[in-house]
Amino acid sequence: MLKSPEETILNGLIGAVADRQEILANNLANVSTPGFVRQDLDFNSVLKDLKNQDMNGKSMDRILEDATLVDDNTPPSLEKELAEMSMNHTKYILMTRINGHVYQHMEEATQAARGG
C-alpha cells in the first residue's frame, strides 16, 4: 500500500513517542545514579525532519538520534520523569487512536467502492 506523507509523519511520531518513553524510563531508572545526565527527545525536531524526509533522506533512526537531547545541567527527578511519562503516554494513546481512525476510514471507503 502507498503511504501518504501524513501517514508517514503520523507513524514516525508514534515511533518517536515510543522511543521517548524508553528515554524517560532510563532517566527514571537512573534518578539515584550520581552524575547521570538527563535526556529527552525534541518533538519539534522530529516533526520538522519527518516533514522534510523526502528532501533530506534521513532514516528514522537518524532523525531520532538527532532529536535526542542531553541536558547537562539537569539531573533526572522522580516527579519530573513520572509526569513526563504520563503526558507522553497520553500522546501515544491519542496518536494511535488517530491512526486507527485513518485506517477505519480507508476500510470504509474501499468497502463503499466495492458496493458493499
PDB file of N, CA and C in Angstrom:
ATOM      1  N   MET A   1       0.833  -1.174   0.000  1.00  0.00           N
ATOM      2  CA  MET A   1       0.000   0.000   0.000  1.00  0.00           C
ATOM      3  C   MET A   1       0.882   1.243   0.000  1.00  0.00           C
ATOM      4  N   LEU A   2       0.474   2.243  -0.747  1.00  0.00           N
ATOM      5  CA  LEU A   2       1.195   3.503  -0.794  1.00  0.00           C
ATOM      6  C   LEU A   2       0.881   4.308   0.454  1.00  0.00           C
ATOM      7  N   LYS A   3       1.916   4.914   1.003  1.00  0.00           N
ATOM      8  CA  LYS A   3       1.727   5.725   2.199  1.00  0.00           C
ATOM      9  C   LYS A   3       1.696   7.193   1.823  1.00  0.00           C
ATOM     10  N   SER A   4       0.746   7.901   2.415  1.00  0.00           N
ATOM     11  CA  SER A   4       0.689   9.342   2.212  1.00  0.00           C
ATOM     12  C   SER A   4       1.741   9.998   3.102  1.00  0.00           C
ATOM     13  N   PRO A   5       2.119  11.222   2.776  1.00  0.00           N
ATOM     14  CA  PRO A   5       3.072  11.929   3.646  1.00  0.00           C
ATOM     15  C   PRO A   5       2.539  12.080   5.075  1.00  0.00           C
ATOM     16  N   GLU A   6       1.244  12.302   5.198  1.00  0.00           N
ATOM     17  CA  GLU A   6       0.642  12.455   6.522  1.00  0.00           C
ATOM     18  C   GLU A   6       0.746  11.160   7.335  1.00  0.00           C
ATOM     19  N   GLU A   7       0.519  10.033   6.654  1.00  0.00           N
ATOM     20  CA  GLU A   7       0.607   8.730   7.320  1.00  0.00           C
ATOM     21  C   GLU A   7       2.046   8.449   7.752  1.00  0.00           C
ATOM     22  N   THR A   8       2.995   8.801   6.906  1.00  0.00           N
ATOM     23  CA  THR A   8       4.409   8.628   7.247  1.00  0.00           C
ATOM     24  C   THR A   8       4.772   9.457   8.472  1.00  0.00           C
ATOM     25  N   ILE A   9       4.299  10.699   8.501  1.00  0.00           N
ATOM     26  CA  ILE A   9       4.570  11.585   9.640  1.00  0.00           C
ATOM     27  C   ILE A   9       3.929  11.037  10.900  1.00  0.00           C
ATOM     28  N   LEU A  10       2.658  10.638  10.821  1.00  0.00           N
ATOM     29  CA  LEU A  10       1.955  10.121  11.999  1.00  0.00           C
ATOM     30  C   LEU A  10       2.640   8.870  12.536  1.00  0.00           C
ATOM     31  N   ASN A  11       2.990   7.939  11.654  1.00  0.00           N
ATOM     32  CA  ASN A  11       3.665   6.720  12.104  1.00  0.00           C
ATOM     33  C   ASN A  11       5.051   7.028  12.680  1.00  0.00           C
ATOM     34  N   GLY A  12       5.742   8.000  12.093  1.00  0.00           N
ATOM     35  CA  GLY A  12       7.029   8.418  12.634  1.00  0.00           C
ATOM     36  C   GLY A  12       6.895   9.015  14.023  1.00  0.00           C
ATOM     37  N   LEU A  13       5.851   9.828  14.218  1.00  0.00           N
ATOM     38  CA  LEU A  13       5.635  10.432  15.535  1.00  0.00           C
ATOM     39  C   LEU A  13       5.244   9.385  16.577  1.00  0.00           C
ATOM     40  N   ILE A  14       4.475   8.384  16.163  1.00  0.00           N
ATOM     41  CA  ILE A  14       4.132   7.300  17.090  1.00  0.00           C
ATOM     42  C   ILE A  14       5.413   6.585  17.525  1.00  0.00           C
ATOM     43  N   GLY A  15       6.294   6.332  16.584  1.00  0.00           N
ATOM     44  CA  GLY A  15       7.577   5.719  16.922  1.00  0.00           C
ATOM     45  C   GLY A  15       8.415   6.602  17.827  1.00  0.00           C
ATOM     46  N   ALA A  16       8.369   7.919  17.580  1.00  0.00           N
ATOM     47  CA  ALA A  16       9.126   8.854  18.415  1.00  0.00           C
ATOM     48  C   ALA A  16       8.585   8.881  19.840  1.00  0.00           C
ATOM     49  N   VAL A  17       7.272   8.812  19.983  1.00  0.00           N
ATOM     50  CA  VAL A  17       6.675   8.788  21.322  1.00  0.00           C
ATOM     51  C   VAL A  17       7.107   7.525  22.058  1.00  0.00           C
ATOM     52  N   ALA A  18       7.123   6.397  21.355  1.00  0.00           N
ATOM     53  CA  ALA A  18       7.559   5.146  21.973  1.00  0.00           C
ATOM     54  C   ALA A  18       9.030   5.232  22.386  1.00  0.00           C
ATOM     55  N   ASP A  19       9.859   5.791  21.519  1.00  0.00           N
ATOM     56  CA  ASP A  19      11.276   5.949  21.862  1.00  0.00           C
ATOM     57  C   ASP A  19      11.466   6.907  23.030  1.00  0.00           C
ATOM     58  N   ARG A  20      10.658   7.974  23.072  1.00  0.00           N
ATOM     59  CA  ARG A  20      10.765   8.925  24.177  1.00  0.00           C
ATOM     60  C   ARG A  20      10.407   8.237  25.499  1.00  0.00           C
ATOM     61  N   GLN A  21       9.446   7.333  25.461  1.00  0.00           N
ATOM     62  CA  GLN A  21       9.071   6.629  26.684  1.00  0.00           C
ATOM     63  C   GLN A  21      10.262   5.823  27.215  1.00  0.00           C
ATOM     64  N   GLU A  22      11.022   5.233  26.313  1.00  0.00           N
ATOM     65  CA  GLU A  22      12.221   4.494  26.716  1.00  0.00           C
ATOM     66  C   GLU A  22      13.273   5.428  27.315  1.00  0.00           C
ATOM     67  N   ILE A  23      13.444   6.590  26.699  1.00  0.00           N
ATOM     68  CA  ILE A  23      14.407   7.574  27.216  1.00  0.00           C
ATOM     69  C   ILE A  23      13.995   8.026  28.613  1.00  0.00           C
ATOM     70  N   LEU A  24      12.705   8.320  28.788  1.00  0.00           N
ATOM     71  CA  LEU A  24      12.216   8.764  30.097  1.00  0.00           C
ATOM     72  C   LEU A  24      12.335   7.653  31.139  1.00  0.00           C
ATOM     73  N   ALA A  25      12.078   6.415  30.736  1.00  0.00           N
ATOM     74  CA  ALA A  25      12.227   5.289  31.658  1.00  0.00           C
ATOM     75  C   ALA A  25      13.685   5.138  32.087  1.00  0.00           C
ATOM     76  N   ASN A  26      14.604   5.358  31.163  1.00  0.00           N
ATOM     77  CA  ASN A  26      16.023   5.298  31.501  1.00  0.00           C
ATOM     78  C   ASN A  26      16.389   6.412  32.482  1.00  0.00           C
ATOM     79  N   ASN A  27      15.841   7.612  32.268  1.00  0.00           N
ATOM     80  CA  ASN A  27      16.054   8.701  33.225  1.00  0.00           C
ATOM     81  C   ASN A  27      15.546   8.299  34.605  1.00  0.00           C
ATOM     82  N   LEU A  28      14.360   7.725  34.627  1.00  0.00           N
ATOM     83  CA  LEU A  28      13.752   7.308  35.895  1.00  0.00           C
ATOM     84  C   LEU A  28      14.596   6.247  36.590  1.00  0.00           C
ATOM     85  N   ALA A  29      15.095   5.305  35.818  1.00  0.00           N
ATOM     86  CA  ALA A  29      15.911   4.237  36.389  1.00  0.00           C
ATOM     87  C   ALA A  29      17.224   4.764  36.969  1.00  0.00           C
ATOM     88  N   ASN A  30      17.647   5.931  36.503  1.00  0.00           N
ATOM     89  CA  ASN A  30      18.928   6.488  36.941  1.00  0.00           C
ATOM     90  C   ASN A  30      18.793   7.710  37.842  1.00  0.00           C
ATOM     91  N   VAL A  31      17.627   7.881  38.452  1.00  0.00           N
ATOM     92  CA  VAL A  31      17.401   9.025  39.338  1.00  0.00           C
ATOM     93  C   VAL A  31      18.451   9.082  40.442  1.00  0.00           C
ATOM     94  N   SER A  32      18.859   7.941  40.957  1.00  0.00           N
ATOM     95  CA  SER A  32      19.813   7.904  42.070  1.00  0.00           C
ATOM     96  C   SER A  32      21.257   7.693  41.620  1.00  0.00           C
ATOM     97  N   THR A  33      21.493   7.681  40.322  1.00  0.00           N
ATOM     98  CA  THR A  33      22.843   7.465  39.819  1.00  0.00           C
ATOM     99  C   THR A  33      23.615   8.784  39.826  1.00  0.00           C
ATOM    100  N   PRO A  34      24.695   8.856  40.630  1.00  0.00           N
ATOM    101  CA  PRO A  34      25.475  10.102  40.671  1.00  0.00           C
ATOM    102  C   PRO A  34      26.061  10.440  39.302  1.00  0.00           C
ATOM    103  N   GLY A  35      25.914  11.695  38.901  1.00  0.00           N
ATOM    104  CA  GLY A  35      26.486  12.161  37.650  1.00  0.00           C
ATOM    105  C   GLY A  35      25.687  11.818  36.405  1.00  0.00           C
ATOM    106  N   PHE A  36      24.558  11.105  36.554  1.00  0.00           N
ATOM    107  CA  PHE A  36      23.755  10.757  35.377  1.00  0.00           C
ATOM    108  C   PHE A  36      23.176  12.027  34.776  1.00  0.00           C
ATOM    109  N   VAL A  37      23.192  12.110  33.470  1.00  0.00           N
ATOM    110  CA  VAL A  37      22.699  13.277  32.747  1.00  0.00           C
ATOM    111  C   VAL A  37      21.344  12.936  32.118  1.00  0.00           C
ATOM    112  N   ARG A  38      20.364  13.772  32.390  1.00  0.00           N
ATOM    113  CA  ARG A  38      19.008  13.578  31.875  1.00  0.00           C
ATOM    114  C   ARG A  38      18.988  13.754  30.353  1.00  0.00           C
ATOM    115  N   GLN A  39      18.172  12.916  29.684  1.00  0.00           N
ATOM    116  CA  GLN A  39      17.985  13.023  28.245  1.00  0.00           C
ATOM    117  C   GLN A  39      16.507  13.197  27.942  1.00  0.00           C
ATOM    118  N   ASP A  40      16.220  13.721  26.758  1.00  0.00           N
ATOM    119  CA  ASP A  40      14.842  13.861  26.297  1.00  0.00           C
ATOM    120  C   ASP A  40      14.838  13.894  24.778  1.00  0.00           C
ATOM    121  N   LEU A  41      13.665  13.949  24.196  1.00  0.00           N
ATOM    122  CA  LEU A  41      13.514  13.952  22.747  1.00  0.00           C
ATOM    123  C   LEU A  41      12.794  15.229  22.337  1.00  0.00           C
ATOM    124  N   ASP A  42      13.309  15.934  21.352  1.00  0.00           N
ATOM    125  CA  ASP A  42      12.729  17.176  20.852  1.00  0.00           C
ATOM    126  C   ASP A  42      11.748  16.845  19.727  1.00  0.00           C
ATOM    127  N   PHE A  43      10.436  16.903  20.026  1.00  0.00           N
ATOM    128  CA  PHE A  43       9.422  16.557  19.027  1.00  0.00           C
ATOM    129  C   PHE A  43       9.378  17.537  17.866  1.00  0.00           C
ATOM    130  N   ASN A  44       9.668  18.811  18.122  1.00  0.00           N
ATOM    131  CA  ASN A  44       9.687  19.779  17.018  1.00  0.00           C
ATOM    132  C   ASN A  44      10.730  19.385  15.984  1.00  0.00           C
ATOM    133  N   SER A  45      11.873  18.925  16.451  1.00  0.00           N
ATOM    134  CA  SER A  45      12.926  18.484  15.546  1.00  0.00           C
ATOM    135  C   SER A  45      12.491  17.236  14.771  1.00  0.00           C
ATOM    136  N   VAL A  46      11.857  16.297  15.466  1.00  0.00           N
ATOM    137  CA  VAL A  46      11.379  15.077  14.805  1.00  0.00           C
ATOM    138  C   VAL A  46      10.350  15.427  13.732  1.00  0.00           C
ATOM    139  N   LEU A  47       9.383  16.271  14.100  1.00  0.00           N
ATOM    140  CA  LEU A  47       8.340  16.646  13.151  1.00  0.00           C
ATOM    141  C   LEU A  47       8.924  17.368  11.937  1.00  0.00           C
ATOM    142  N   LYS A  48       9.848  18.282  12.180  1.00  0.00           N
ATOM    143  CA  LYS A  48      10.497  19.019  11.080  1.00  0.00           C
ATOM    144  C   LYS A  48      11.199  18.051  10.130  1.00  0.00           C
ATOM    145  N   ASP A  49      11.960  17.111  10.689  1.00  0.00           N
ATOM    146  CA  ASP A  49      12.677  16.150   9.841  1.00  0.00           C
ATOM    147  C   ASP A  49      11.714  15.217   9.116  1.00  0.00           C
ATOM    148  N   LEU A  50      10.623  14.811   9.769  1.00  0.00           N
ATOM    149  CA  LEU A  50       9.655  13.939   9.107  1.00  0.00           C
ATOM    150  C   LEU A  50       8.966  14.660   7.948  1.00  0.00           C
ATOM    151  N   LYS A  51       8.661  15.934   8.131  1.00  0.00           N
ATOM    152  CA  LYS A  51       8.023  16.707   7.064  1.00  0.00           C
ATOM    153  C   LYS A  51       8.949  16.875   5.869  1.00  0.00           C
ATOM    154  N   ASN A  52      10.253  16.916   6.119  1.00  0.00           N
ATOM    155  CA  ASN A  52      11.240  17.118   5.057  1.00  0.00           C
ATOM    156  C   ASN A  52      11.991  15.837   4.705  1.00  0.00           C
ATOM    157  N   GLN A  53      11.490  14.693   5.123  1.00  0.00           N
ATOM    158  CA  GLN A  53      12.229  13.436   4.986  1.00  0.00           C
ATOM    159  C   GLN A  53      12.580  13.124   3.534  1.00  0.00           C
ATOM    160  N   ASP A  54      11.675  13.402   2.611  1.00  0.00           N
ATOM    161  CA  ASP A  54      11.969  13.111   1.201  1.00  0.00           C
ATOM    162  C   ASP A  54      13.129  13.957   0.696  1.00  0.00           C
ATOM    163  N   MET A  55      13.265  15.161   1.247  1.00  0.00           N
ATOM    164  CA  MET A  55      14.307  16.058   0.765  1.00  0.00           C
ATOM    165  C   MET A  55      15.662  15.769   1.401  1.00  0.00           C
ATOM    166  N   ASN A  56      15.661  15.349   2.669  1.00  0.00           N
ATOM    167  CA  ASN A  56      16.960  15.166   3.315  1.00  0.00           C
ATOM    168  C   ASN A  56      17.391  13.709   3.410  1.00  0.00           C
ATOM    169  N   GLY A  57      16.503  12.775   3.118  1.00  0.00           N
ATOM    170  CA  GLY A  57      16.856  11.368   3.045  1.00  0.00           C
ATOM    171  C   GLY A  57      17.296  10.724   4.350  1.00  0.00           C
ATOM    172  N   LYS A  58      16.986  11.319   5.489  1.00  0.00           N
ATOM    173  CA  LYS A  58      17.384  10.738   6.778  1.00  0.00           C
ATOM    174  C   LYS A  58      16.539   9.516   7.098  1.00  0.00           C
ATOM    175  N   SER A  59      17.160   8.526   7.715  1.00  0.00           N
ATOM    176  CA  SER A  59      16.412   7.377   8.202  1.00  0.00           C
ATOM    177  C   SER A  59      15.719   7.773   9.505  1.00  0.00           C
ATOM    178  N   MET A  60      14.719   6.996   9.911  1.00  0.00           N
ATOM    179  CA  MET A  60      14.021   7.282  11.164  1.00  0.00           C
ATOM    180  C   MET A  60      14.984   7.194  12.345  1.00  0.00           C
ATOM    181  N   ASP A  61      15.886   6.238  12.318  1.00  0.00           N
ATOM    182  CA  ASP A  61      16.874   6.129  13.398  1.00  0.00           C
ATOM    183  C   ASP A  61      17.711   7.402  13.501  1.00  0.00           C
ATOM    184  N   ARG A  62      18.123   7.925  12.361  1.00  0.00           N
ATOM    185  CA  ARG A  62      18.944   9.152  12.353  1.00  0.00           C
ATOM    186  C   ARG A  62      18.141  10.362  12.831  1.00  0.00           C
ATOM    187  N   ILE A  63      16.874  10.429  12.441  1.00  0.00           N
ATOM    188  CA  ILE A  63      16.001  11.520  12.887  1.00  0.00           C
ATOM    189  C   ILE A  63      15.894  11.514  14.405  1.00  0.00           C
ATOM    190  N   LEU A  64      15.680  10.319  14.986  1.00  0.00           N
ATOM    191  CA  LEU A  64      15.542  10.209  16.437  1.00  0.00           C
ATOM    192  C   LEU A  64      16.862  10.502  17.144  1.00  0.00           C
ATOM    193  N   GLU A  65      17.942  10.043  16.557  1.00  0.00           N
ATOM    194  CA  GLU A  65      19.257  10.302  17.146  1.00  0.00           C
ATOM    195  C   GLU A  65      19.552  11.806  17.177  1.00  0.00           C
ATOM    196  N   ASP A  66      19.234  12.477  16.080  1.00  0.00           N
ATOM    197  CA  ASP A  66      19.463  13.919  16.011  1.00  0.00           C
ATOM    198  C   ASP A  66      18.568  14.700  16.971  1.00  0.00           C
ATOM    199  N   ALA A  67      17.396  14.149  17.291  1.00  0.00           N
ATOM    200  CA  ALA A  67      16.434  14.846  18.154  1.00  0.00           C
ATOM    201  C   ALA A  67      16.634  14.551  19.635  1.00  0.00           C
ATOM    202  N   THR A  68      17.522  13.613  19.959  1.00  0.00           N
ATOM    203  CA  THR A  68      17.766  13.279  21.360  1.00  0.00           C
ATOM    204  C   THR A  68      18.656  14.340  21.988  1.00  0.00           C
ATOM    205  N   LEU A  69      18.152  14.913  23.063  1.00  0.00           N
ATOM    206  CA  LEU A  69      18.849  15.997  23.743  1.00  0.00           C
ATOM    207  C   LEU A  69      19.433  15.518  25.055  1.00  0.00           C
ATOM    208  N   VAL A  70      20.615  15.994  25.371  1.00  0.00           N
ATOM    209  CA  VAL A  70      21.251  15.719  26.656  1.00  0.00           C
ATOM    210  C   VAL A  70      21.287  17.038  27.406  1.00  0.00           C
ATOM    211  N   ASP A  71      20.670  17.046  28.593  1.00  0.00           N
ATOM    212  CA  ASP A  71      20.619  18.263  29.404  1.00  0.00           C
ATOM    213  C   ASP A  71      21.679  18.175  30.492  1.00  0.00           C
ATOM    214  N   ASP A  72      22.837  18.749  30.223  1.00  0.00           N
ATOM    215  CA  ASP A  72      23.972  18.667  31.142  1.00  0.00           C
ATOM    216  C   ASP A  72      23.706  19.301  32.501  1.00  0.00           C
ATOM    217  N   ASN A  73      22.747  20.195  32.566  1.00  0.00           N
ATOM    218  CA  ASN A  73      22.517  20.930  33.806  1.00  0.00           C
ATOM    219  C   ASN A  73      21.391  20.376  34.668  1.00  0.00           C
ATOM    220  N   THR A  74      20.678  19.384  34.175  1.00  0.00           N
ATOM    221  CA  THR A  74      19.514  18.897  34.907  1.00  0.00           C
ATOM    222  C   THR A  74      19.620  17.404  35.182  1.00  0.00           C
ATOM    223  N   PRO A  75      19.765  17.037  36.441  1.00  0.00           N
ATOM    224  CA  PRO A  75      19.690  15.611  36.756  1.00  0.00           C
ATOM    225  C   PRO A  75      18.229  15.168  36.713  1.00  0.00           C
ATOM    226  N   PRO A  76      17.964  13.900  36.486  1.00  0.00           N
ATOM    227  CA  PRO A  76      16.576  13.440  36.472  1.00  0.00           C
ATOM    228  C   PRO A  76      15.977  13.511  37.876  1.00  0.00           C
ATOM    229  N   SER A  77      14.686  13.731  37.938  1.00  0.00           N
ATOM    230  CA  SER A  77      13.989  13.687  39.224  1.00  0.00           C
ATOM    231  C   SER A  77      12.789  12.762  39.086  1.00  0.00           C
ATOM    232  N   LEU A  78      12.452  12.095  40.150  1.00  0.00           N
ATOM    233  CA  LEU A  78      11.346  11.137  40.153  1.00  0.00           C
ATOM    234  C   LEU A  78      10.060  11.798  39.672  1.00  0.00           C
ATOM    235  N   GLU A  79       9.742  12.957  40.219  1.00  0.00           N
ATOM    236  CA  GLU A  79       8.489  13.637  39.902  1.00  0.00           C
ATOM    237  C   GLU A  79       8.440  14.055  38.426  1.00  0.00           C
ATOM    238  N   LYS A  80       9.522  14.654  37.941  1.00  0.00           N
ATOM    239  CA  LYS A  80       9.551  15.131  36.556  1.00  0.00           C
ATOM    240  C   LYS A  80       9.440  13.972  35.574  1.00  0.00           C
ATOM    241  N   GLU A  81      10.187  12.914  35.819  1.00  0.00           N
ATOM    242  CA  GLU A  81      10.168  11.782  34.880  1.00  0.00           C
ATOM    243  C   GLU A  81       8.801  11.111  34.854  1.00  0.00           C
ATOM    244  N   LEU A  82       8.187  10.935  36.029  1.00  0.00           N
ATOM    245  CA  LEU A  82       6.856  10.315  36.069  1.00  0.00           C
ATOM    246  C   LEU A  82       5.814  11.198  35.386  1.00  0.00           C
ATOM    247  N   ALA A  83       5.897  12.510  35.605  1.00  0.00           N
ATOM    248  CA  ALA A  83       4.954  13.425  34.951  1.00  0.00           C
ATOM    249  C   ALA A  83       5.142  13.408  33.439  1.00  0.00           C
ATOM    250  N   GLU A  84       6.388  13.446  32.990  1.00  0.00           N
ATOM    251  CA  GLU A  84       6.666  13.415  31.547  1.00  0.00           C
ATOM    252  C   GLU A  84       6.218  12.090  30.932  1.00  0.00           C
ATOM    253  N   MET A  85       6.424  10.984  31.646  1.00  0.00           N
ATOM    254  CA  MET A  85       5.993   9.681  31.138  1.00  0.00           C
ATOM    255  C   MET A  85       4.473   9.628  31.003  1.00  0.00           C
ATOM    256  N   SER A  86       3.764  10.205  31.962  1.00  0.00           N
ATOM    257  CA  SER A  86       2.304  10.221  31.912  1.00  0.00           C
ATOM    258  C   SER A  86       1.800  11.036  30.723  1.00  0.00           C
ATOM    259  N   MET A  87       2.359  12.223  30.520  1.00  0.00           N
ATOM    260  CA  MET A  87       1.963  13.045  29.374  1.00  0.00           C
ATOM    261  C   MET A  87       2.325  12.370  28.057  1.00  0.00           C
ATOM    262  N   ASN A  88       3.481  11.739  28.014  1.00  0.00           N
ATOM    263  CA  ASN A  88       3.923  11.054  26.810  1.00  0.00           C
ATOM    264  C   ASN A  88       3.004   9.872  26.482  1.00  0.00           C
ATOM    265  N   HIS A  89       2.574   9.163  27.508  1.00  0.00           N
ATOM    266  CA  HIS A  89       1.652   8.039  27.324  1.00  0.00           C
ATOM    267  C   HIS A  89       0.329   8.529  26.725  1.00  0.00           C
ATOM    268  N   THR A  90      -0.149   9.674  27.206  1.00  0.00           N
ATOM    269  CA  THR A  90      -1.380  10.252  26.674  1.00  0.00           C
ATOM    270  C   THR A  90      -1.215  10.590  25.195  1.00  0.00           C
ATOM    271  N   LYS A  91      -0.070  11.144  24.814  1.00  0.00           N
ATOM    272  CA  LYS A  91       0.206  11.425  23.401  1.00  0.00           C
ATOM    273  C   LYS A  91       0.157  10.141  22.580  1.00  0.00           C
ATOM    274  N   TYR A  92       0.743   9.083  23.115  1.00  0.00           N
ATOM    275  CA  TYR A  92       0.773   7.801  22.407  1.00  0.00           C
ATOM    276  C   TYR A  92      -0.652   7.287  22.168  1.00  0.00           C
ATOM    277  N   ILE A  93      -1.476   7.349  23.203  1.00  0.00           N
ATOM    278  CA  ILE A  93      -2.861   6.892  23.071  1.00  0.00           C
ATOM    279  C   ILE A  93      -3.591   7.699  22.000  1.00  0.00           C
ATOM    280  N   LEU A  94      -3.452   9.014  22.048  1.00  0.00           N
ATOM    281  CA  LEU A  94      -4.137   9.864  21.076  1.00  0.00           C
ATOM    282  C   LEU A  94      -3.667   9.588  19.650  1.00  0.00           C
ATOM    283  N   MET A  95      -2.371   9.472  19.461  1.00  0.00           N
ATOM    284  CA  MET A  95      -1.845   9.239  18.108  1.00  0.00           C
ATOM    285  C   MET A  95      -2.251   7.874  17.560  1.00  0.00           C
ATOM    286  N   THR A  96      -2.253   6.857  18.405  1.00  0.00           N
ATOM    287  CA  THR A  96      -2.655   5.539  17.915  1.00  0.00           C
ATOM    288  C   THR A  96      -4.144   5.507  17.613  1.00  0.00           C
ATOM    289  N   ARG A  97      -4.943   6.257  18.358  1.00  0.00           N
ATOM    290  CA  ARG A  97      -6.382   6.340  18.045  1.00  0.00           C
ATOM    291  C   ARG A  97      -6.601   7.056  16.721  1.00  0.00           C
ATOM    292  N   ILE A  98      -5.876   8.139  16.500  1.00  0.00           N
ATOM    293  CA  ILE A  98      -5.979   8.853  15.221  1.00  0.00           C
ATOM    294  C   ILE A  98      -5.595   7.908  14.087  1.00  0.00           C
ATOM    295  N   ASN A  99      -4.506   7.188  14.269  1.00  0.00           N
ATOM    296  CA  ASN A  99      -4.049   6.239  13.256  1.00  0.00           C
ATOM    297  C   ASN A  99      -5.114   5.178  12.988  1.00  0.00           C
ATOM    298  N   GLY A 100      -5.741   4.682  14.035  1.00  0.00           N
ATOM    299  CA  GLY A 100      -6.811   3.695  13.878  1.00  0.00           C
ATOM    300  C   GLY A 100      -7.983   4.243  13.090  1.00  0.00           C
ATOM    301  N   HIS A 101      -8.333   5.502  13.338  1.00  0.00           N
ATOM    302  CA  HIS A 101      -9.437   6.127  12.608  1.00  0.00           C
ATOM    303  C   HIS A 101      -9.090   6.302  11.128  1.00  0.00           C
ATOM    304  N   VAL A 102      -7.850   6.620  10.839  1.00  0.00           N
ATOM    305  CA  VAL A 102      -7.425   6.763   9.442  1.00  0.00           C
ATOM    306  C   VAL A 102      -7.648   5.442   8.710  1.00  0.00           C
ATOM    307  N   TYR A 103      -7.200   4.354   9.312  1.00  0.00           N
ATOM    308  CA  TYR A 103      -7.358   3.049   8.668  1.00  0.00           C
ATOM    309  C   TYR A 103      -8.824   2.624   8.602  1.00  0.00           C
ATOM    310  N   GLN A 104      -9.597   2.993   9.608  1.00  0.00           N
ATOM    311  CA  GLN A 104     -11.025   2.681   9.594  1.00  0.00           C
ATOM    312  C   GLN A 104     -11.710   3.386   8.424  1.00  0.00           C
ATOM    313  N   HIS A 105     -11.380   4.658   8.205  1.00  0.00           N
ATOM    314  CA  HIS A 105     -11.963   5.403   7.093  1.00  0.00           C
ATOM    315  C   HIS A 105     -11.512   4.836   5.750  1.00  0.00           C
ATOM    316  N   MET A 106     -10.269   4.400   5.678  1.00  0.00           N
ATOM    317  CA  MET A 106      -9.782   3.788   4.439  1.00  0.00           C
ATOM    318  C   MET A 106     -10.559   2.505   4.150  1.00  0.00           C
ATOM    319  N   GLU A 107     -10.803   1.702   5.180  1.00  0.00           N
ATOM    320  CA  GLU A 107     -11.560   0.458   5.000  1.00  0.00           C
ATOM    321  C   GLU A 107     -12.992   0.752   4.559  1.00  0.00           C
ATOM    322  N   GLU A 108     -13.609   1.741   5.184  1.00  0.00           N
ATOM    323  CA  GLU A 108     -14.973   2.120   4.814  1.00  0.00           C
ATOM    324  C   GLU A 108     -15.040   2.599   3.363  1.00  0.00           C
ATOM    325  N   ALA A 109     -14.042   3.358   2.958  1.00  0.00           N
ATOM    326  CA  ALA A 109     -14.013   3.860   1.574  1.00  0.00           C
ATOM    327  C   ALA A 109     -13.851   2.721   0.583  1.00  0.00           C
ATOM    328  N   THR A 110     -12.998   1.763   0.887  1.00  0.00           N
ATOM    329  CA  THR A 110     -12.808   0.646  -0.054  1.00  0.00           C
ATOM    330  C   THR A 110     -14.033  -0.239  -0.102  1.00  0.00           C
ATOM    331  N   GLN A 111     -14.725  -0.405   1.020  1.00  0.00           N
ATOM    332  CA  GLN A 111     -15.961  -1.189   1.011  1.00  0.00           C
ATOM    333  C   GLN A 111     -17.050  -0.481   0.220  1.00  0.00           C
ATOM    334  N   ALA A 112     -17.126   0.836   0.368  1.00  0.00           N
ATOM    335  CA  ALA A 112     -18.124   1.599  -0.387  1.00  0.00           C
ATOM    336  C   ALA A 112     -17.833   1.517  -1.895  1.00  0.00           C
ATOM    337  N   ALA A 113     -16.567   1.550  -2.250  1.00  0.00           N
ATOM    338  CA  ALA A 113     -16.174   1.476  -3.657  1.00  0.00           C
ATOM    339  C   ALA A 113     -16.522   0.114  -4.266  1.00  0.00           C
ATOM    340  N   ARG A 114     -16.517  -0.913  -3.436  1.00  0.00           N
ATOM    341  CA  ARG A 114     -16.854  -2.258  -3.895  1.00  0.00           C
ATOM    342  C   ARG A 114     -18.361  -2.461  -3.962  1.00  0.00           C
ATOM    343  N   GLY A 115     -19.103  -1.501  -3.414  1.00  0.00           N
ATOM    344  CA  GLY A 115     -20.547  -1.599  -3.435  1.00  0.00           C
ATOM    345  C   GLY A 115     -21.102  -2.350  -2.240  1.00  0.00           C
ATOM    346  N   GLY A 116     -20.292  -2.453  -1.178  1.00  0.00           N
ATOM    347  CA  GLY A 116     -20.747  -3.217  -0.020  1.00  0.00           C
ATOM    348  C   GLY A 116     -20.792  -2.387   1.152  1.00  0.00           C
TER     349      GLY A 116
END
